Amino acid sequence: MTGEAETVTVDARGMRCPWPALRLARAMRSAARVRLIADDPQAAREIAALAAERGWTLAAEAGDRWLVGR
């Protein structure tokens, strides 16, 4: 084991907001890092608001992917 936190992937493609943000919040209960894949055009705004509210870091990756961490 390398000591790095495992990244959990949540695939929320095809789901409309608020479902991607809700799936992210659920995964963050037990994970330190989550890669979220979501194709709803509103997802970026919803995810950014949730991350800011909870104090999580947020990094946009290519296309419809975000890396969220504590």
PDB file of N, CA and C in Angstrom:
ATOM      1  N   MET A   1       0.850  -1.187   0.000  1.00  0.00           N
ATOM      2  CA  MET A   1       0.000   0.000   0.000  1.00  0.00           C
ATOM      3  C   MET A   1       0.883   1.233   0.000  1.00  0.00           C
ATOM      4  N   THR A   2       0.554   2.213  -0.840  1.00  0.00           N
ATOM      5  CA  THR A   2       1.407   3.379  -1.013  1.00  0.00           C
ATOM      6  C   THR A   2       1.097   4.499  -0.033  1.00  0.00           C
ATOM      7  N   GLY A   3      -0.017   4.427   0.650  1.00  0.00           N
ATOM      8  CA  GLY A   3      -0.400   5.487   1.569  1.00  0.00           C
ATOM      9  C   GLY A   3      -1.268   6.549   0.920  1.00  0.00           C
ATOM     10  N   GLU A   4      -1.393   6.502  -0.404  1.00  0.00           N
ATOM     11  CA  GLU A   4      -2.246   7.460  -1.081  1.00  0.00           C
ATOM     12  C   GLU A   4      -3.703   7.042  -0.917  1.00  0.00           C
ATOM     13  N   ALA A   5      -4.559   8.042  -0.805  1.00  0.00           N
ATOM     14  CA  ALA A   5      -5.981   7.751  -0.692  1.00  0.00           C
ATOM     15  C   ALA A   5      -6.498   7.216  -2.027  1.00  0.00           C
ATOM     16  N   GLU A   6      -7.342   6.225  -1.954  1.00  0.00           N
ATOM     17  CA  GLU A   6      -7.938   5.668  -3.154  1.00  0.00           C
ATOM     18  C   GLU A   6      -8.942   6.650  -3.733  1.00  0.00           C
ATOM     19  N   THR A   7      -8.953   6.760  -5.039  1.00  0.00           N
ATOM     20  CA  THR A   7      -9.918   7.622  -5.715  1.00  0.00           C
ATOM     21  C   THR A   7     -11.102   6.771  -6.148  1.00  0.00           C
ATOM     22  N   VAL A   8     -12.279   7.154  -5.711  1.00  0.00           N
ATOM     23  CA  VAL A   8     -13.522   6.464  -6.074  1.00  0.00           C
ATOM     24  C   VAL A   8     -14.092   7.171  -7.304  1.00  0.00           C
ATOM     25  N   THR A   9     -14.556   6.417  -8.273  1.00  0.00           N
ATOM     26  CA  THR A   9     -15.168   7.000  -9.463  1.00  0.00           C
ATOM     27  C   THR A   9     -16.679   6.872  -9.378  1.00  0.00           C
ATOM     28  N   VAL A  10     -17.353   7.994  -9.613  1.00  0.00           N
ATOM     29  CA  VAL A  10     -18.817   8.023  -9.652  1.00  0.00           C
ATOM     30  C   VAL A  10     -19.220   8.422 -11.064  1.00  0.00           C
ATOM     31  N   ASP A  11     -19.913   7.542 -11.747  1.00  0.00           N
ATOM     32  CA  ASP A  11     -20.366   7.801 -13.112  1.00  0.00           C
ATOM     33  C   ASP A  11     -21.827   8.238 -13.062  1.00  0.00           C
ATOM     34  N   ALA A  12     -22.049   9.520 -13.263  1.00  0.00           N
ATOM     35  CA  ALA A  12     -23.402  10.074 -13.210  1.00  0.00           C
ATOM     36  C   ALA A  12     -23.855  10.532 -14.597  1.00  0.00           C
ATOM     37  N   ARG A  13     -23.258   9.975 -15.638  1.00  0.00           N
ATOM     38  CA  ARG A  13     -23.683  10.341 -16.993  1.00  0.00           C
ATOM     39  C   ARG A  13     -25.128   9.926 -17.204  1.00  0.00           C
ATOM     40  N   GLY A  14     -25.864  10.809 -17.865  1.00  0.00           N
ATOM     41  CA  GLY A  14     -27.273  10.543 -18.132  1.00  0.00           C
ATOM     42  C   GLY A  14     -28.196  10.999 -17.017  1.00  0.00           C
ATOM     43  N   MET A  15     -27.627  11.398 -15.893  1.00  0.00           N
ATOM     44  CA  MET A  15     -28.433  11.886 -14.762  1.00  0.00           C
ATOM     45  C   MET A  15     -28.516  13.403 -14.815  1.00  0.00           C
ATOM     46  N   ARG A  16     -29.671  13.926 -14.508  1.00  0.00           N
ATOM     47  CA  ARG A  16     -29.870  15.370 -14.474  1.00  0.00           C
ATOM     48  C   ARG A  16     -29.707  15.880 -13.055  1.00  0.00           C
ATOM     49  N   CYS A  17     -29.246  17.117 -12.937  1.00  0.00           N
ATOM     50  CA  CYS A  17     -29.068  17.718 -11.611  1.00  0.00           C
ATOM     51  C   CYS A  17     -30.415  17.760 -10.910  1.00  0.00           C
ATOM     52  N   PRO A  18     -30.398  17.483  -9.633  1.00  0.00           N
ATOM     53  CA  PRO A  18     -29.272  17.484  -8.706  1.00  0.00           C
ATOM     54  C   PRO A  18     -28.612  16.119  -8.500  1.00  0.00           C
ATOM     55  N   TRP A  19     -28.957  15.096  -9.279  1.00  0.00           N
ATOM     56  CA  TRP A  19     -28.459  13.748  -9.017  1.00  0.00           C
ATOM     57  C   TRP A  19     -26.943  13.616  -9.034  1.00  0.00           C
ATOM     58  N   PRO A  20     -26.209  14.226  -9.984  1.00  0.00           N
ATOM     59  CA  PRO A  20     -24.753  14.104  -9.920  1.00  0.00           C
ATOM     60  C   PRO A  20     -24.172  14.658  -8.614  1.00  0.00           C
ATOM     61  N   ALA A  21     -24.671  15.789  -8.158  1.00  0.00           N
ATOM     62  CA  ALA A  21     -24.187  16.379  -6.902  1.00  0.00           C
ATOM     63  C   ALA A  21     -24.562  15.496  -5.710  1.00  0.00           C
ATOM     64  N   LEU A  22     -25.741  14.924  -5.725  1.00  0.00           N
ATOM     65  CA  LEU A  22     -26.150  14.036  -4.640  1.00  0.00           C
ATOM     66  C   LEU A  22     -25.294  12.772  -4.611  1.00  0.00           C
ATOM     67  N   ARG A  23     -24.988  12.228  -5.777  1.00  0.00           N
ATOM     68  CA  ARG A  23     -24.120  11.049  -5.837  1.00  0.00           C
ATOM     69  C   ARG A  23     -22.716  11.377  -5.343  1.00  0.00           C
ATOM     70  N   LEU A  24     -22.234  12.569  -5.696  1.00  0.00           N
ATOM     71  CA  LEU A  24     -20.925  13.018  -5.222  1.00  0.00           C
ATOM     72  C   LEU A  24     -20.912  13.125  -3.701  1.00  0.00           C
ATOM     73  N   ALA A  25     -21.916  13.779  -3.137  1.00  0.00           N
ATOM     74  CA  ALA A  25     -21.989  13.953  -1.677  1.00  0.00           C
ATOM     75  C   ALA A  25     -22.031  12.597  -0.975  1.00  0.00           C
ATOM     76  N   ARG A  26     -22.755  11.667  -1.529  1.00  0.00           N
ATOM     77  CA  ARG A  26     -22.842  10.327  -0.936  1.00  0.00           C
ATOM     78  C   ARG A  26     -21.485   9.625  -0.954  1.00  0.00           C
ATOM     79  N   ALA A  27     -20.790   9.721  -2.083  1.00  0.00           N
ATOM     80  CA  ALA A  27     -19.479   9.071  -2.196  1.00  0.00           C
ATOM     81  C   ALA A  27     -18.458   9.714  -1.270  1.00  0.00           C
ATOM     82  N   MET A  28     -18.544  11.022  -1.071  1.00  0.00           N
ATOM     83  CA  MET A  28     -17.583  11.737  -0.224  1.00  0.00           C
ATOM     84  C   MET A  28     -17.760  11.412   1.255  1.00  0.00           C
ATOM     85  N   ARG A  29     -18.855  10.783   1.623  1.00  0.00           N
ATOM     86  CA  ARG A  29     -19.033  10.360   3.017  1.00  0.00           C
ATOM     87  C   ARG A  29     -17.943   9.388   3.442  1.00  0.00           C
ATOM     88  N   SER A  30     -17.513   8.532   2.509  1.00  0.00           N
ATOM     89  CA  SER A  30     -16.552   7.494   2.873  1.00  0.00           C
ATOM     90  C   SER A  30     -15.251   7.553   2.079  1.00  0.00           C
ATOM     91  N   ALA A  31     -15.124   8.466   1.158  1.00  0.00           N
ATOM     92  CA  ALA A  31     -13.919   8.557   0.340  1.00  0.00           C
ATOM     93  C   ALA A  31     -13.253   9.917   0.524  1.00  0.00           C
ATOM     94  N   ALA A  32     -11.936   9.929   0.419  1.00  0.00           N
ATOM     95  CA  ALA A  32     -11.195  11.185   0.509  1.00  0.00           C
ATOM     96  C   ALA A  32     -11.116  11.879  -0.847  1.00  0.00           C
ATOM     97  N   ARG A  33     -11.196  11.093  -1.926  1.00  0.00           N
ATOM     98  CA  ARG A  33     -11.154  11.639  -3.287  1.00  0.00           C
ATOM     99  C   ARG A  33     -12.167  10.930  -4.155  1.00  0.00           C
ATOM    100  N   VAL A  34     -12.861  11.727  -4.960  1.00  0.00           N
ATOM    101  CA  VAL A  34     -13.861  11.169  -5.878  1.00  0.00           C
ATOM    102  C   VAL A  34     -13.655  11.788  -7.255  1.00  0.00           C
ATOM    103  N   ARG A  35     -13.635  10.935  -8.275  1.00  0.00           N
ATOM    104  CA  ARG A  35     -13.651  11.407  -9.658  1.00  0.00           C
ATOM    105  C   ARG A  35     -15.097  11.279 -10.115  1.00  0.00           C
ATOM    106  N   LEU A  36     -15.695  12.412 -10.436  1.00  0.00           N
ATOM    107  CA  LEU A  36     -17.092  12.442 -10.867  1.00  0.00           C
ATOM    108  C   LEU A  36     -17.145  12.632 -12.376  1.00  0.00           C
ATOM    109  N   ILE A  37     -17.953  11.816 -13.027  1.00  0.00           N
ATOM    110  CA  ILE A  37     -18.201  11.941 -14.458  1.00  0.00           C
ATOM    111  C   ILE A  37     -19.681  12.289 -14.595  1.00  0.00           C
ATOM    112  N   ALA A  38     -19.964  13.458 -15.171  1.00  0.00           N
ATOM    113  CA  ALA A  38     -21.358  13.897 -15.309  1.00  0.00           C
ATOM    114  C   ALA A  38     -21.488  14.737 -16.574  1.00  0.00           C
ATOM    115  N   ASP A  39     -22.526  14.459 -17.362  1.00  0.00           N
ATOM    116  CA  ASP A  39     -22.691  15.164 -18.626  1.00  0.00           C
ATOM    117  C   ASP A  39     -23.842  16.173 -18.637  1.00  0.00           C
ATOM    118  N   ASP A  40     -24.485  16.397 -17.519  1.00  0.00           N
ATOM    119  CA  ASP A  40     -25.525  17.426 -17.441  1.00  0.00           C
ATOM    120  C   ASP A  40     -24.846  18.795 -17.520  1.00  0.00           C
ATOM    121  N   PRO A  41     -25.310  19.685 -18.391  1.00  0.00           N
ATOM    122  CA  PRO A  41     -24.685  21.007 -18.508  1.00  0.00           C
ATOM    123  C   PRO A  41     -24.684  21.808 -17.194  1.00  0.00           C
ATOM    124  N   GLN A  42     -25.608  21.536 -16.304  1.00  0.00           N
ATOM    125  CA  GLN A  42     -25.677  22.245 -15.025  1.00  0.00           C
ATOM    126  C   GLN A  42     -24.758  21.645 -13.966  1.00  0.00           C
ATOM    127  N   ALA A  43     -24.182  20.492 -14.238  1.00  0.00           N
ATOM    128  CA  ALA A  43     -23.384  19.778 -13.232  1.00  0.00           C
ATOM    129  C   ALA A  43     -22.209  20.597 -12.728  1.00  0.00           C
ATOM    130  N   ALA A  44     -21.506  21.288 -13.601  1.00  0.00           N
ATOM    131  CA  ALA A  44     -20.325  22.059 -13.186  1.00  0.00           C
ATOM    132  C   ALA A  44     -20.701  23.085 -12.117  1.00  0.00           C
ATOM    133  N   ARG A  45     -21.793  23.784 -12.325  1.00  0.00           N
ATOM    134  CA  ARG A  45     -22.233  24.800 -11.359  1.00  0.00           C
ATOM    135  C   ARG A  45     -22.641  24.164 -10.038  1.00  0.00           C
ATOM    136  N   GLU A  46     -23.402  23.082 -10.113  1.00  0.00           N
ATOM    137  CA  GLU A  46     -23.872  22.398  -8.904  1.00  0.00           C
ATOM    138  C   GLU A  46     -22.711  21.805  -8.104  1.00  0.00           C
ATOM    139  N   ILE A  47     -21.770  21.196  -8.796  1.00  0.00           N
ATOM    140  CA  ILE A  47     -20.622  20.570  -8.135  1.00  0.00           C
ATOM    141  C   ILE A  47     -19.737  21.625  -7.493  1.00  0.00           C
ATOM    142  N   ALA A  48     -19.514  22.736  -8.195  1.00  0.00           N
ATOM    143  CA  ALA A  48     -18.697  23.820  -7.640  1.00  0.00           C
ATOM    144  C   ALA A  48     -19.332  24.391  -6.379  1.00  0.00           C
ATOM    145  N   ALA A  49     -20.643  24.576  -6.390  1.00  0.00           N
ATOM    146  CA  ALA A  49     -21.338  25.102  -5.219  1.00  0.00           C
ATOM    147  C   ALA A  49     -21.245  24.134  -4.043  1.00  0.00           C
ATOM    148  N   LEU A  50     -21.427  22.852  -4.304  1.00  0.00           N
ATOM    149  CA  LEU A  50     -21.348  21.847  -3.249  1.00  0.00           C
ATOM    150  C   LEU A  50     -19.944  21.781  -2.663  1.00  0.00           C
ATOM    151  N   ALA A  51     -18.932  21.785  -3.529  1.00  0.00           N
ATOM    152  CA  ALA A  51     -17.548  21.717  -3.059  1.00  0.00           C
ATOM    153  C   ALA A  51     -17.208  22.946  -2.210  1.00  0.00           C
ATOM    154  N   ALA A  52     -17.650  24.122  -2.633  1.00  0.00           N
ATOM    155  CA  ALA A  52     -17.379  25.344  -1.869  1.00  0.00           C
ATOM    156  C   ALA A  52     -18.077  25.298  -0.514  1.00  0.00           C
ATOM    157  N   GLU A  53     -19.291  24.820  -0.495  1.00  0.00           N
ATOM    158  CA  GLU A  53     -20.061  24.728   0.747  1.00  0.00           C
ATOM    159  C   GLU A  53     -19.413  23.775   1.747  1.00  0.00           C
ATOM    160  N   ARG A  54     -18.872  22.674   1.248  1.00  0.00           N
ATOM    161  CA  ARG A  54     -18.301  21.648   2.120  1.00  0.00           C
ATOM    162  C   ARG A  54     -16.805  21.820   2.369  1.00  0.00           C
ATOM    163  N   GLY A  55     -16.158  22.758   1.674  1.00  0.00           N
ATOM    164  CA  GLY A  55     -14.727  22.966   1.843  1.00  0.00           C
ATOM    165  C   GLY A  55     -13.877  21.933   1.132  1.00  0.00           C
ATOM    166  N   TRP A  56     -14.397  21.332   0.080  1.00  0.00           N
ATOM    167  CA  TRP A  56     -13.672  20.334  -0.688  1.00  0.00           C
ATOM    168  C   TRP A  56     -12.862  21.019  -1.779  1.00  0.00           C
ATOM    169  N   THR A  57     -11.788  20.375  -2.216  1.00  0.00           N
ATOM    170  CA  THR A  57     -11.048  20.877  -3.370  1.00  0.00           C
ATOM    171  C   THR A  57     -11.739  20.361  -4.625  1.00  0.00           C
ATOM    172  N   LEU A  58     -11.627  21.132  -5.687  1.00  0.00           N
ATOM    173  CA  LEU A  58     -12.282  20.769  -6.937  1.00  0.00           C
ATOM    174  C   LEU A  58     -11.342  21.079  -8.083  1.00  0.00           C
ATOM    175  N   ALA A  59     -11.075  20.087  -8.904  1.00  0.00           N
ATOM    176  CA  ALA A  59     -10.240  20.272 -10.085  1.00  0.00           C
ATOM    177  C   ALA A  59     -10.974  19.714 -11.291  1.00  0.00           C
ATOM    178  N   ALA A  60     -11.180  20.567 -12.283  1.00  0.00           N
ATOM    179  CA  ALA A  60     -11.823  20.109 -13.514  1.00  0.00           C
ATOM    180  C   ALA A  60     -10.813  19.301 -14.314  1.00  0.00           C
ATOM    181  N   GLU A  61     -11.247  18.184 -14.820  1.00  0.00           N
ATOM    182  CA  GLU A  61     -10.418  17.364 -15.691  1.00  0.00           C
ATOM    183  C   GLU A  61     -10.993  17.475 -17.103  1.00  0.00           C
ATOM    184  N   ALA A  62     -10.505  16.696 -17.999  1.00  0.00           N
ATOM    185  CA  ALA A  62     -10.944  16.751 -19.388  1.00  0.00           C
ATOM    186  C   ALA A  62     -12.449  16.528 -19.516  1.00  0.00           C
ATOM    187  N   GLY A  63     -13.088  17.409 -20.262  1.00  0.00           N
ATOM    188  CA  GLY A  63     -14.498  17.231 -20.598  1.00  0.00           C
ATOM    189  C   GLY A  63     -15.441  17.248 -19.422  1.00  0.00           C
ATOM    190  N   ASP A  64     -16.072  16.120 -19.179  1.00  0.00           N
ATOM    191  CA  ASP A  64     -17.146  16.020 -18.195  1.00  0.00           C
ATOM    192  C   ASP A  64     -16.689  15.349 -16.902  1.00  0.00           C
ATOM    193  N   ARG A  65     -15.432  15.576 -16.504  1.00  0.00           N
ATOM    194  CA  ARG A  65     -14.875  14.918 -15.321  1.00  0.00           C
ATOM    195  C   ARG A  65     -14.323  15.942 -14.338  1.00  0.00           C
ATOM    196  N   TRP A  66     -14.505  15.647 -13.060  1.00  0.00           N
ATOM    197  CA  TRP A  66     -13.984  16.490 -11.989  1.00  0.00           C
ATOM    198  C   TRP A  66     -13.359  15.595 -10.923  1.00  0.00           C
ATOM    199  N   LEU A  67     -12.298  16.093 -10.309  1.00  0.00           N
ATOM    200  CA  LEU A  67     -11.674  15.398  -9.199  1.00  0.00           C
ATOM    201  C   LEU A  67     -11.950  16.222  -7.948  1.00  0.00           C
ATOM    202  N   VAL A  68     -12.594  15.605  -6.978  1.00  0.00           N
ATOM    203  CA  VAL A  68     -13.016  16.284  -5.753  1.00  0.00           C
ATOM    204  C   VAL A  68     -12.308  15.610  -4.585  1.00  0.00           C
ATOM    205  N   GLY A  69     -11.802  16.419  -3.667  1.00  0.00           N
ATOM    206  CA  GLY A  69     -11.102  15.848  -2.519  1.00  0.00           C
ATOM    207  C   GLY A  69     -11.296  16.669  -1.270  1.00  0.00           C
ATOM    208  N   ARG A  70     -10.813  16.096  -0.167  1.00  0.00           N
ATOM    209  CA  ARG A  70     -10.867  16.796   1.116  1.00  0.00           C
ATOM    210  C   ARG A  70      -9.550  17.460   1.362  1.00  0.00           C
TER     211      ARG A  70
END
